[in-house]
C-alpha atoms as a PDB file:
ATOM      1  CA  UNK A   1     -15.641  22.417 -17.873  1.00  0.00           C
ATOM      2  CA  UNK A   2     -17.032  21.094 -14.570  1.00  0.00           C
ATOM      3  CA  UNK A   3     -14.857  20.333 -11.528  1.00  0.00           C
ATOM      4  CA  UNK A   4     -15.276  17.910  -8.643  1.00  0.00           C
ATOM      5  CA  UNK A   5     -12.981  17.891  -5.599  1.00  0.00           C
ATOM      6  CA  UNK A   6     -12.676  16.016  -2.321  1.00  0.00           C
ATOM      7  CA  UNK A   7     -10.263  16.607   0.556  1.00  0.00           C
ATOM      8  CA  UNK A   8      -9.500  14.107   3.347  1.00  0.00           C
ATOM      9  CA  UNK A   9      -6.978  13.907   6.183  1.00  0.00           C
ATOM     10  CA  UNK A  10      -5.286  10.514   6.506  1.00  0.00           C
ATOM     11  CA  UNK A  11      -3.478   9.569   9.741  1.00  0.00           C
ATOM     12  CA  UNK A  12      -0.459   8.168   7.894  1.00  0.00           C
ATOM     13  CA  UNK A  13       2.799   9.751   6.727  1.00  0.00           C
ATOM     14  CA  UNK A  14       3.080  11.204   3.229  1.00  0.00           C
ATOM     15  CA  UNK A  15       5.602   8.547   2.161  1.00  0.00           C
ATOM     16  CA  UNK A  16       3.123   5.714   2.837  1.00  0.00           C
ATOM     17  CA  UNK A  17       0.131   7.427   1.254  1.00  0.00           C
ATOM     18  CA  UNK A  18       2.213   8.406  -1.798  1.00  0.00           C
ATOM     19  CA  UNK A  19       3.647   4.914  -2.238  1.00  0.00           C
ATOM     20  CA  UNK A  20       0.187   3.348  -2.037  1.00  0.00           C
ATOM     21  CA  UNK A  21      -1.262   5.699  -4.681  1.00  0.00           C
ATOM     22  CA  UNK A  22       1.771   5.257  -6.969  1.00  0.00           C
ATOM     23  CA  UNK A  23       0.897   1.646  -7.803  1.00  0.00           C
ATOM     24  CA  UNK A  24      -1.868   0.100  -9.877  1.00  0.00           C
ATOM     25  CA  UNK A  25      -2.682  -2.076  -6.858  1.00  0.00           C
ATOM     26  CA  UNK A  26      -3.724   1.149  -5.093  1.00  0.00           C
ATOM     27  CA  UNK A  27      -6.143   1.956  -7.915  1.00  0.00           C
ATOM     28  CA  UNK A  28      -7.605  -1.540  -7.704  1.00  0.00           C
ATOM     29  CA  UNK A  29      -7.925  -1.396  -3.911  1.00  0.00           C
ATOM     30  CA  UNK A  30      -9.628   2.010  -3.950  1.00  0.00           C
ATOM     31  CA  UNK A  31     -12.131   1.468  -6.744  1.00  0.00           C
ATOM     32  CA  UNK A  32     -15.472   0.511  -5.188  1.00  0.00           C
ATOM     33  CA  UNK A  33     -16.661  -2.992  -6.022  1.00  0.00           C
ATOM     34  CA  UNK A  34     -19.851  -1.661  -7.586  1.00  0.00           C
ATOM     35  CA  UNK A  35     -17.704  -0.125 -10.357  1.00  0.00           C
ATOM     36  CA  UNK A  36     -16.667  -3.652 -11.476  1.00  0.00           C
ATOM     37  CA  UNK A  37     -13.177  -2.477 -12.464  1.00  0.00           C
ATOM     38  CA  UNK A  38     -10.966  -4.731 -14.569  1.00  0.00           C
ATOM     39  CA  UNK A  39      -7.398  -3.563 -15.255  1.00  0.00           C
ATOM     40  CA  UNK A  40      -6.602  -5.056 -18.637  1.00  0.00           C
ATOM     41  CA  UNK A  41      -3.047  -3.800 -19.178  1.00  0.00           C
ATOM     42  CA  UNK A  42      -0.513  -1.459 -17.616  1.00  0.00           C
ATOM     43  CA  UNK A  43       2.426  -0.172 -19.630  1.00  0.00           C
ATOM     44  CA  UNK A  44       5.286   1.941 -18.305  1.00  0.00           C
ATOM     45  CA  UNK A  45       6.742   4.950 -20.125  1.00  0.00           C
ATOM     46  CA  UNK A  46       9.404   2.739 -21.746  1.00  0.00           C
ATOM     47  CA  UNK A  47       6.855   0.167 -22.910  1.00  0.00           C
ATOM     48  CA  UNK A  48       7.541  -2.212 -20.016  1.00  0.00           C
ATOM     49  CA  UNK A  49       4.512  -4.263 -18.963  1.00  0.00           C
ATOM     50  CA  UNK A  50       3.215  -4.014 -15.388  1.00  0.00           C
ATOM     51  CA  UNK A  51       5.629  -1.393 -13.981  1.00  0.00           C
ATOM     52  CA  UNK A  52       5.966  -1.307 -10.213  1.00  0.00           C
ATOM     53  CA  UNK A  53       5.457   2.486 -10.045  1.00  0.00           C
ATOM     54  CA  UNK A  54       3.125   4.529 -12.257  1.00  0.00           C
ATOM     55  CA  UNK A  55       5.590   7.095 -13.613  1.00  0.00           C
ATOM     56  CA  UNK A  56       4.836   9.922 -16.048  1.00  0.00           C
ATOM     57  CA  UNK A  57       3.947   8.289 -19.348  1.00  0.00           C
ATOM     58  CA  UNK A  58       2.507   5.113 -17.822  1.00  0.00           C
ATOM     59  CA  UNK A  59      -0.715   3.965 -19.441  1.00  0.00           C
ATOM     60  CA  UNK A  60      -3.503   1.984 -17.787  1.00  0.00           C
ATOM     61  CA  UNK A  61      -6.098   0.247 -19.931  1.00  0.00           C
ATOM     62  CA  UNK A  62      -9.160  -0.746 -17.970  1.00  0.00           C
ATOM     63  CA  UNK A  63     -12.851  -1.335 -18.222  1.00  0.00           C
ATOM     64  CA  UNK A  64     -15.735  -0.744 -15.844  1.00  0.00           C
ATOM     65  CA  UNK A  65     -19.332  -1.807 -15.667  1.00  0.00           C
ATOM     66  CA  UNK A  66     -20.953   0.262 -12.895  1.00  0.00           C
ATOM     67  CA  UNK A  67     -23.544  -1.734 -10.953  1.00  0.00           C
ATOM     68  CA  UNK A  68     -23.215  -4.507 -13.556  1.00  0.00           C
ATOM     69  CA  UNK A  69     -25.515  -2.566 -15.870  1.00  0.00           C
ATOM     70  CA  UNK A  70     -24.955  -2.059 -19.589  1.00  0.00           C
ATOM     71  CA  UNK A  71     -21.858  -2.857 -21.611  1.00  0.00           C
ATOM     72  CA  UNK A  72     -18.363  -2.566 -20.114  1.00  0.00           C
ATOM     73  CA  UNK A  73     -16.965   0.944 -20.552  1.00  0.00           C
ATOM     74  CA  UNK A  74     -13.384   0.929 -21.845  1.00  0.00           C
ATOM     75  CA  UNK A  75     -11.060   3.557 -20.407  1.00  0.00           C
ATOM     76  CA  UNK A  76      -7.413   4.409 -21.082  1.00  0.00           C
ATOM     77  CA  UNK A  77      -5.708   6.584 -18.483  1.00  0.00           C
ATOM     78  CA  UNK A  78      -2.254   8.127 -18.967  1.00  0.00           C
ATOM     79  CA  UNK A  79      -0.118   9.574 -16.166  1.00  0.00           C
ATOM     80  CA  UNK A  80       0.746  12.992 -17.607  1.00  0.00           C
ATOM     81  CA  UNK A  81       2.548  14.569 -14.656  1.00  0.00           C
ATOM     82  CA  UNK A  82       4.179  13.335 -11.469  1.00  0.00           C
ATOM     83  CA  UNK A  83       6.186  15.240  -8.834  1.00  0.00           C
ATOM     84  CA  UNK A  84       7.243  14.370  -5.312  1.00  0.00           C
ATOM     85  CA  UNK A  85       9.130  16.002  -2.478  1.00  0.00           C
ATOM     86  CA  UNK A  86       9.377  15.727   1.287  1.00  0.00           C
ATOM     87  CA  UNK A  87       6.315  17.897   1.974  1.00  0.00           C
ATOM     88  CA  UNK A  88       4.209  17.496  -1.178  1.00  0.00           C
ATOM     89  CA  UNK A  89       3.555  15.079  -3.991  1.00  0.00           C
ATOM     90  CA  UNK A  90       1.138  14.931  -6.897  1.00  0.00           C
ATOM     91  CA  UNK A  91       0.289  13.074 -10.043  1.00  0.00           C
ATOM     92  CA  UNK A  92      -2.174  13.735 -12.809  1.00  0.00           C
ATOM     93  CA  UNK A  93      -3.908  11.244 -15.053  1.00  0.00           C
ATOM     94  CA  UNK A  94      -5.880  12.027 -18.175  1.00  0.00           C
ATOM     95  CA  UNK A  95      -8.422   9.882 -19.943  1.00  0.00           C
ATOM     96  CA  UNK A  96      -7.401   9.051 -23.509  1.00  0.00           C
ATOM     97  CA  UNK A  97     -10.455   7.221 -24.673  1.00  0.00           C
ATOM     98  CA  UNK A  98     -13.385   6.439 -22.448  1.00  0.00           C
ATOM     99  CA  UNK A  99     -16.903   7.463 -21.460  1.00  0.00           C
ATOM    100  CA  UNK A 100     -16.171  11.176 -20.823  1.00  0.00           C
ATOM    101  CA  UNK A 101     -15.497  13.888 -23.395  1.00  0.00           C
ATOM    102  CA  UNK A 102     -12.756  15.087 -21.020  1.00  0.00           C
ATOM    103  CA  UNK A 103     -11.320  13.767 -17.735  1.00  0.00           C
ATOM    104  CA  UNK A 104      -8.273  15.160 -15.936  1.00  0.00           C
ATOM    105  CA  UNK A 105      -7.727  13.850 -12.387  1.00  0.00           C
ATOM    106  CA  UNK A 106      -5.131  15.566 -10.192  1.00  0.00           C
ATOM    107  CA  UNK A 107      -4.138  13.720  -7.009  1.00  0.00           C
ATOM    108  CA  UNK A 108      -2.347  15.939  -4.447  1.00  0.00           C
ATOM    109  CA  UNK A 109      -0.735  14.797  -1.203  1.00  0.00           C
ATOM    110  CA  UNK A 110       0.409  17.283   1.448  1.00  0.00           C
ATOM    111  CA  UNK A 111       2.373  16.306   4.553  1.00  0.00           C
ATOM    112  CA  UNK A 112       1.020  17.675   7.824  1.00  0.00           C
ATOM    113  CA  UNK A 113       3.239  16.245  10.530  1.00  0.00           C
ATOM    114  CA  UNK A 114       2.653  12.485  10.600  1.00  0.00           C
ATOM    115  CA  UNK A 115      -0.587  12.918   8.672  1.00  0.00           C
ATOM    116  CA  UNK A 116      -1.318  13.494   4.994  1.00  0.00           C
ATOM    117  CA  UNK A 117      -3.934  15.645   3.361  1.00  0.00           C
ATOM    118  CA  UNK A 118      -5.317  13.871   0.308  1.00  0.00           C
ATOM    119  CA  UNK A 119      -6.803  16.214  -2.297  1.00  0.00           C
ATOM    120  CA  UNK A 120      -8.519  14.836  -5.408  1.00  0.00           C
ATOM    121  CA  UNK A 121      -9.628  17.207  -8.138  1.00  0.00           C
ATOM    122  CA  UNK A 122     -11.317  16.103 -11.349  1.00  0.00           C
ATOM    123  CA  UNK A 123     -11.958  18.378 -14.310  1.00  0.00           C
ATOM    124  CA  UNK A 124     -14.424  16.679 -16.617  1.00  0.00           C
ATOM    125  CA  UNK A 125     -16.964  17.029 -19.347  1.00  0.00           C
ATOM    126  CA  UNK A 126     -19.736  14.614 -20.243  1.00  0.00           C
ATOM    127  CA  UNK A 127     -20.074  13.553 -23.884  1.00  0.00           C
ATOM    128  CA  UNK A 128     -22.692  15.150 -26.113  1.00  0.00           C
ATOM    129  CA  UNK A 129     -21.218  18.547 -26.983  1.00  0.00           C
ATOM    130  CA  UNK A 130     -23.169  21.499 -25.618  1.00  0.00           C
ATOM    131  CA  UNK A 131     -25.769  19.311 -23.941  1.00  0.00           C
ATOM    132  CA  UNK A 132     -23.015  17.291 -22.217  1.00  0.00           C
ATOM    133  CA  UNK A 133     -21.290  20.473 -21.031  1.00  0.00           C
ATOM    134  CA  UNK A 134     -24.593  21.753 -19.646  1.00  0.00           C
ATOM    135  CA  UNK A 135     -25.314  18.478 -17.823  1.00  0.00           C
ATOM    136  CA  UNK A 136     -21.725  17.931 -16.564  1.00  0.00           C
ATOM    137  CA  UNK A 137     -22.261  19.516 -13.110  1.00  0.00           C
ATOM    138  CA  UNK A 138     -24.933  16.868 -12.432  1.00  0.00           C
ATOM    139  CA  UNK A 139     -22.297  14.103 -12.572  1.00  0.00           C
ATOM    140  CA  UNK A 140     -21.457  14.926  -8.940  1.00  0.00           C
ATOM    141  CA  UNK A 141     -24.324  12.548  -8.100  1.00  0.00           C
ATOM    142  CA  UNK A 142     -22.076   9.663  -9.249  1.00  0.00           C
ATOM    143  CA  UNK A 143     -18.711  11.122  -8.241  1.00  0.00           C
ATOM    144  CA  UNK A 144     -19.570  11.836  -4.618  1.00  0.00           C
ATOM    145  CA  UNK A 145     -20.261   8.215  -3.543  1.00  0.00           C
ATOM    146  CA  UNK A 146     -17.279   6.928  -5.538  1.00  0.00           C
ATOM    147  CA  UNK A 147     -14.754   9.404  -4.104  1.00  0.00           C
ATOM    148  CA  UNK A 148     -16.237   9.171  -0.608  1.00  0.00           C
ATOM    149  CA  UNK A 149     -15.685   5.396  -0.808  1.00  0.00           C
ATOM    150  CA  UNK A 150     -12.143   5.850  -2.175  1.00  0.00           C
ATOM    151  CA  UNK A 151     -11.145   8.223   0.632  1.00  0.00           C
ATOM    152  CA  UNK A 152     -12.790   6.043   3.285  1.00  0.00           C
ATOM    153  CA  UNK A 153     -10.905   3.005   1.933  1.00  0.00           C
ATOM    154  CA  UNK A 154      -7.608   4.941   1.938  1.00  0.00           C
ATOM    155  CA  UNK A 155      -8.096   5.708   5.616  1.00  0.00           C
ATOM    156  CA  UNK A 156      -9.114   2.118   6.362  1.00  0.00           C
ATOM    157  CA  UNK A 157      -6.049   0.641   4.645  1.00  0.00           C
ATOM    158  CA  UNK A 158      -3.401   3.147   5.759  1.00  0.00           C
ATOM    159  CA  UNK A 159      -4.376   4.320   9.244  1.00  0.00           C
END
């Protein structure tokens, strides 16, 4: 399985960065416009619609149409793990239906004084069996501009 990661220092305290990333509004704010994201439904772990915080078990149904080309790609993401403390926090979301054969995104946040280190790691596999696995490392061509934009936007909104 291929892995992509990006690390950025944000001049904002962990509590603010964590709170921002814990809400679906954070996802919407950080997804570049060229992805044409539409969040269709958000369900909390108890089945509540539109929960304030994305807790373990929350499910996000969305669709994207990168660059407005081709049909909309449906995507269901489930928060599978979430932990927070005074110095560190993390959550993990997994794709349960979507354009990738596998997608596991771990978001880590580490306090460093009044700053926060934001660490995104994605383990993924393109569809297509063996051919998809072989081509998966090439997906960095799409991931790099998307995650660079996400981290730049985080800094812009929180610093």
